[in-house]
Amino acid sequence: MAQPFDHPFFAAFPGAMPTEPQPTGETDAEVVVVIPARMASTRFPGKPLVRVNGIPLIIHVARMAQKSEVTDRVLIATDSPEILKEAQAQGIEAVMTSSGAHTGSDRVAEVARTLSTQIVVNLQADEIMGDPRIIDQAVEPLLRDDRLPMSTVRRTLSDPAEILNTNIVKVVCNQRNLALYFSRSPIPMDRDGIGPQRPDLRWDQHLGIYAFRKAALLEFARLPVSPLEELEKLEQLRALDYGFAIYVARTDFPSFRIDTPEDLALFAKTFSNGSS
């Protein structure tokens, strides 16, 4: 069994990394976006094939990904013959995977083993990007700094109700934009209620997208599920628990997270109004 920190991506003290990024020389690296999808969602069964304006949710996600400037290829990874059939009917590349994947990134890793690409993006099937440049923002840190094994994206939360919403994952980062922790709980905890008086304090939502170097993704999938990952049901905590450095880029572009039928109704209303 793999032991903690028994991998080449361990960052013992990420804050001690040199200030200047180390150029990768991979500005033309091939980038493949893989969208893991399954029908057996606990909170919203059958979600990928629910239609909005006649188009399945999973197809909305794939078509937006195809608009990303850095993306060379988009494919859906699924254990569902229904999703595979729908993707093929819509002209989206799709592959079947096993039903034993513990997380979306584990499913993406199963596909990545067959790819020759340098960078693999896990774009979650229920994260509707309001702008394809969010994908570009997720990938860009890996293109400019070879110290980074993976990266993701955050956006500032402004509604106090969203900070308390356990369906919205929050992230706290250090001064170098490296993740310290992800949680469904409101982090950081404003013990004394000083947040409204401190414009320099903010709460950030984590978006459902991860850009991996292929080698880092395969190493992530090799590692056992971590206790923190199991507790919060957040796959990225496996990476943190085993010492991966995760760069968290910031975006101002909108996105729509679909966790419940209520979220879907809100997205459908926004989409119908021409905002997506």
Protein backbone atom coordinates (compact mmCIF):
# COMPACT_ATOMS: atom_id res chain seq x y z
CA MET A 1 0.00 0.00 0.00
CA ALA A 2 1.19 3.51 -0.81
CA GLN A 3 2.47 5.40 2.21
CA PRO A 4 1.86 9.12 2.88
CA PHE A 5 4.26 11.32 0.94
CA ASP A 6 5.60 8.32 -0.99
CA HIS A 7 5.27 10.09 -4.32
CA PRO A 8 7.23 12.64 -6.40
CA PHE A 9 4.70 15.47 -5.99
CA PHE A 10 5.04 15.97 -2.24
CA ALA A 11 5.57 19.63 -1.32
CA ALA A 12 6.90 19.63 2.24
CA PHE A 13 6.70 23.39 2.55
CA PRO A 14 4.95 24.96 -0.47
CA GLY A 15 5.39 28.46 0.98
CA ALA A 16 9.15 28.02 0.74
CA MET A 17 9.07 27.58 -3.02
CA PRO A 18 11.07 30.18 -4.97
CA THR A 19 9.11 33.33 -5.73
CA GLU A 20 9.69 33.12 -9.45
CA PRO A 21 7.83 30.40 -11.37
CA GLN A 22 9.96 27.86 -13.19
CA PRO A 23 9.12 27.96 -16.93
CA THR A 24 7.78 24.69 -18.25
CA GLY A 25 8.50 25.09 -21.93
CA GLU A 26 5.08 23.50 -22.48
CA THR A 27 3.10 26.43 -23.84
CA ASP A 28 1.97 24.15 -26.67
CA ALA A 29 1.27 21.16 -24.43
CA GLU A 30 -1.70 19.08 -25.51
CA VAL A 31 -4.68 19.54 -23.19
CA VAL A 32 -7.49 16.99 -23.00
CA VAL A 33 -10.68 17.73 -21.06
CA VAL A 34 -12.34 14.62 -19.66
CA ILE A 35 -15.84 14.91 -18.20
CA PRO A 36 -16.60 12.04 -15.80
CA ALA A 37 -20.30 11.20 -15.63
CA ARG A 38 -22.50 8.64 -13.93
CA MET A 39 -26.23 8.22 -13.51
CA ALA A 40 -26.22 7.13 -9.85
CA SER A 41 -25.99 10.52 -8.14
CA THR A 42 -27.12 10.30 -4.51
CA ARG A 43 -28.76 13.73 -4.44
CA PHE A 44 -29.96 13.86 -8.06
CA PRO A 45 -30.17 10.48 -9.85
CA GLY A 46 -30.01 10.67 -13.65
CA LYS A 47 -28.71 14.24 -13.53
CA PRO A 48 -26.37 14.11 -16.59
CA LEU A 49 -29.25 13.37 -18.96
CA VAL A 50 -31.76 15.84 -17.55
CA ARG A 51 -32.63 18.21 -20.38
CA VAL A 52 -32.47 22.00 -20.35
CA ASN A 53 -34.04 23.54 -23.45
CA GLY A 54 -33.98 20.07 -25.01
CA ILE A 55 -30.25 19.52 -24.42
CA PRO A 56 -28.91 17.07 -21.79
CA LEU A 57 -26.92 18.69 -19.01
CA ILE A 58 -23.79 16.70 -19.86
CA ILE A 59 -23.90 18.04 -23.42
CA HIS A 60 -24.10 21.63 -22.17
CA VAL A 61 -20.89 20.97 -20.22
CA ALA A 62 -19.10 19.34 -23.17
CA ARG A 63 -20.03 22.02 -25.68
CA MET A 64 -18.79 24.77 -23.41
CA ALA A 65 -15.51 22.89 -22.91
CA GLN A 66 -15.04 22.69 -26.69
CA LYS A 67 -14.93 26.50 -26.78
CA SER A 68 -11.86 26.72 -24.54
CA GLU A 69 -8.82 28.13 -26.32
CA VAL A 70 -6.33 25.80 -24.63
CA THR A 71 -8.35 22.62 -25.10
CA ASP A 72 -7.36 20.22 -27.87
CA ARG A 73 -9.86 17.45 -27.20
CA VAL A 74 -13.01 16.90 -25.13
CA LEU A 75 -14.43 13.54 -24.19
CA ILE A 76 -16.94 12.09 -21.73
CA ALA A 77 -15.93 9.18 -19.48
CA THR A 78 -18.84 7.16 -18.16
CA ASP A 79 -19.94 3.77 -16.88
CA SER A 80 -23.46 4.35 -18.26
CA PRO A 81 -24.51 3.00 -21.67
CA GLU A 82 -27.26 5.64 -21.67
CA ILE A 83 -24.80 8.52 -21.34
CA LEU A 84 -22.49 6.94 -23.93
CA LYS A 85 -25.35 6.63 -26.42
CA GLU A 86 -26.54 10.20 -25.86
CA ALA A 87 -23.03 11.63 -26.23
CA GLN A 88 -22.46 9.77 -29.46
CA ALA A 89 -25.83 10.92 -30.80
CA GLN A 90 -24.82 14.51 -30.02
CA GLY A 91 -21.43 14.15 -31.74
CA ILE A 92 -19.40 14.22 -28.50
CA GLU A 93 -16.55 11.74 -28.09
CA ALA A 94 -17.22 9.34 -25.20
CA VAL A 95 -15.64 6.23 -23.72
CA MET A 96 -16.86 3.57 -21.31
CA THR A 97 -15.07 3.13 -18.01
CA SER A 98 -15.44 0.67 -15.15
CA SER A 99 -18.10 1.14 -12.49
CA GLY A 100 -15.56 0.94 -9.66
CA ALA A 101 -14.15 4.49 -9.76
CA HIS A 102 -14.28 6.06 -6.31
CA THR A 103 -14.26 9.66 -7.60
CA GLY A 104 -14.48 11.59 -10.82
CA SER A 105 -10.70 12.03 -10.89
CA ASP A 106 -10.24 8.27 -10.52
CA ARG A 107 -12.52 7.79 -13.53
CA VAL A 108 -10.59 10.42 -15.49
CA ALA A 109 -7.32 8.68 -14.57
CA GLU A 110 -8.66 5.45 -16.04
CA VAL A 111 -9.02 7.25 -19.38
CA ALA A 112 -5.76 9.19 -19.01
CA ARG A 113 -3.76 5.96 -18.97
CA THR A 114 -4.66 5.53 -22.64
CA LEU A 115 -3.77 9.12 -23.63
CA SER A 116 -0.43 10.60 -24.68
CA THR A 117 -1.37 14.12 -23.56
CA GLN A 118 0.68 16.08 -21.01
CA ILE A 119 -2.24 17.82 -19.26
CA VAL A 120 -5.60 16.30 -18.35
CA VAL A 121 -8.52 18.36 -17.11
CA ASN A 122 -11.24 16.84 -14.95
CA LEU A 123 -14.32 18.96 -15.65
CA GLN A 124 -17.16 17.81 -13.45
CA ALA A 125 -20.37 16.95 -15.27
CA ASP A 126 -22.49 19.16 -13.04
CA GLU A 127 -20.31 22.28 -13.28
CA ILE A 128 -21.75 24.45 -16.06
CA MET A 129 -19.12 27.01 -16.99
CA GLY A 130 -20.65 30.35 -17.90
CA ASP A 131 -17.49 31.14 -19.88
CA PRO A 132 -14.95 28.70 -21.42
CA ARG A 133 -12.11 30.90 -20.22
CA ILE A 134 -12.53 29.33 -16.79
CA ILE A 135 -10.95 26.20 -18.28
CA ASP A 136 -8.11 28.30 -19.66
CA GLN A 137 -7.59 29.83 -16.22
CA ALA A 138 -7.40 26.38 -14.65
CA VAL A 139 -4.78 25.15 -17.10
CA GLU A 140 -2.61 28.27 -17.38
CA PRO A 141 -0.72 27.77 -14.06
CA LEU A 142 0.55 24.38 -15.26
CA LEU A 143 1.72 25.89 -18.53
CA ARG A 144 3.81 28.56 -16.82
CA ASP A 145 5.22 26.74 -13.78
CA ASP A 146 6.63 23.23 -13.82
CA ARG A 147 6.62 22.98 -10.01
CA LEU A 148 2.85 22.54 -9.99
CA PRO A 149 1.29 19.06 -10.26
CA MET A 150 -2.30 20.32 -10.39
CA SER A 151 -4.45 23.43 -10.32
CA THR A 152 -8.06 24.47 -9.92
CA VAL A 153 -10.24 27.61 -9.76
CA ARG A 154 -12.04 29.69 -7.13
CA ARG A 155 -14.47 32.59 -7.17
CA THR A 156 -15.37 35.06 -4.41
CA LEU A 157 -18.64 34.46 -2.57
CA SER A 158 -20.70 37.55 -1.79
CA ASP A 159 -23.94 36.04 -0.46
CA PRO A 160 -23.70 35.04 3.24
CA ALA A 161 -26.20 32.25 2.60
CA GLU A 162 -23.82 30.68 0.08
CA ILE A 163 -21.01 30.70 2.62
CA LEU A 164 -23.19 28.58 4.92
CA ASN A 165 -24.49 26.30 2.13
CA THR A 166 -22.89 22.85 2.51
CA ASN A 167 -23.48 22.11 -1.19
CA ILE A 168 -21.02 24.91 -2.00
CA VAL A 169 -17.41 23.92 -1.40
CA LYS A 170 -15.17 26.60 0.06
CA VAL A 171 -11.40 26.89 -0.25
CA VAL A 172 -8.75 28.73 1.78
CA CYS A 173 -5.37 29.49 0.19
CA ASN A 174 -2.02 30.80 1.33
CA GLN A 175 -0.28 33.92 0.05
CA ARG A 176 1.08 31.98 -2.95
CA ASN A 177 -2.41 30.90 -4.06
CA LEU A 178 -1.80 27.32 -2.93
CA ALA A 179 -4.72 25.54 -1.30
CA LEU A 180 -4.60 25.09 2.47
CA TYR A 181 -7.96 23.34 2.81
CA PHE A 182 -11.30 22.71 1.10
CA SER A 183 -14.51 22.23 3.06
CA ARG A 184 -18.28 22.24 2.84
CA SER A 185 -18.23 24.19 6.10
CA PRO A 186 -17.80 27.99 6.16
CA ILE A 187 -14.03 28.48 6.11
CA PRO A 188 -12.38 30.55 7.35
CA MET A 189 -14.64 30.75 10.40
CA ASP A 190 -15.42 34.38 11.27
CA ARG A 191 -15.39 33.90 15.04
CA ASP A 192 -15.86 37.55 16.00
CA GLY A 193 -17.99 38.63 13.04
CA ILE A 194 -15.40 41.07 11.68
CA GLY A 195 -15.87 40.09 8.02
CA PRO A 196 -18.33 42.89 7.09
CA GLN A 197 -15.85 45.50 8.34
CA ARG A 198 -12.83 44.01 6.59
CA PRO A 199 -12.85 44.37 2.78
CA ASP A 200 -9.54 42.51 2.66
CA LEU A 201 -11.24 39.33 3.94
CA ARG A 202 -13.11 37.11 1.54
CA TRP A 203 -14.72 33.70 1.26
CA ASP A 204 -14.07 31.70 -1.89
CA GLN A 205 -16.09 29.05 -3.67
CA HIS A 206 -14.20 26.19 -5.25
CA LEU A 207 -15.34 25.31 -8.77
CA GLY A 208 -15.55 21.74 -10.03
CA ILE A 209 -12.55 21.66 -12.33
CA TYR A 210 -9.03 20.25 -11.90
CA ALA A 211 -6.09 20.49 -14.28
CA PHE A 212 -3.51 17.74 -13.72
CA ARG A 213 -0.20 16.86 -15.21
CA LYS A 214 -0.85 13.35 -16.44
CA ALA A 215 1.79 11.83 -14.16
CA ALA A 216 0.28 13.59 -11.14
CA LEU A 217 -3.21 12.38 -11.99
CA LEU A 218 -2.06 8.77 -12.27
CA GLU A 219 -0.23 9.11 -8.95
CA PHE A 220 -3.35 10.60 -7.35
CA ALA A 221 -5.41 7.62 -8.52
CA ARG A 222 -2.81 5.18 -7.14
CA LEU A 223 -3.04 6.62 -3.63
CA PRO A 224 -5.61 5.27 -1.15
CA VAL A 225 -8.70 7.27 -0.27
CA SER A 226 -7.74 9.58 2.59
CA PRO A 227 -9.69 10.08 5.85
CA LEU A 228 -10.35 13.75 5.08
CA GLU A 229 -11.58 12.88 1.61
CA GLU A 230 -13.96 10.30 3.04
CA LEU A 231 -15.20 12.65 5.76
CA GLU A 232 -16.00 15.67 3.58
CA LYS A 233 -16.68 13.70 0.38
CA LEU A 234 -14.20 15.94 -1.46
CA GLU A 235 -11.71 14.19 -3.72
CA GLN A 236 -9.22 17.08 -3.73
CA LEU A 237 -8.56 16.45 -0.04
CA ARG A 238 -6.80 13.22 -1.01
CA ALA A 239 -4.31 15.35 -2.93
CA LEU A 240 -3.80 17.72 0.01
CA ASP A 241 -3.69 14.90 2.54
CA TYR A 242 -0.82 13.26 0.65
CA GLY A 243 1.08 16.53 0.19
CA PHE A 244 0.27 17.63 -3.37
CA ALA A 245 0.55 21.36 -3.98
CA ILE A 246 -2.67 22.64 -5.58
CA TYR A 247 -2.59 26.06 -7.22
CA VAL A 248 -5.95 27.84 -7.07
CA ALA A 249 -6.51 30.44 -9.79
CA ARG A 250 -9.13 33.13 -9.37
CA THR A 251 -11.97 33.84 -11.80
CA ASP A 252 -14.72 36.42 -12.08
CA PHE A 253 -16.59 34.48 -14.74
CA PRO A 254 -19.92 32.88 -13.78
CA SER A 255 -20.66 29.18 -13.49
CA PHE A 256 -23.60 27.06 -12.39
CA ARG A 257 -23.21 24.18 -9.98
CA ILE A 258 -26.04 21.65 -10.31
CA ASP A 259 -26.35 19.57 -7.13
CA THR A 260 -30.12 19.46 -6.70
CA PRO A 261 -33.31 19.80 -8.78
CA GLU A 262 -33.61 23.34 -7.37
CA ASP A 263 -30.18 24.22 -8.79
CA LEU A 264 -31.27 22.86 -12.15
CA ALA A 265 -34.42 24.99 -12.13
CA LEU A 266 -32.33 28.11 -11.46
CA PHE A 267 -29.91 27.23 -14.26
CA ALA A 268 -32.78 26.55 -16.67
CA LYS A 269 -34.30 29.94 -15.87
CA THR A 270 -30.98 31.72 -16.39
CA PHE A 271 -30.29 29.81 -19.60
CA SER A 272 -33.75 30.64 -20.95
CA ASN A 273 -33.08 34.33 -20.24
CA GLY A 274 -30.03 34.17 -22.47
CA SER A 275 -27.38 34.46 -19.74
CA SER A 276 -25.57 31.24 -20.61
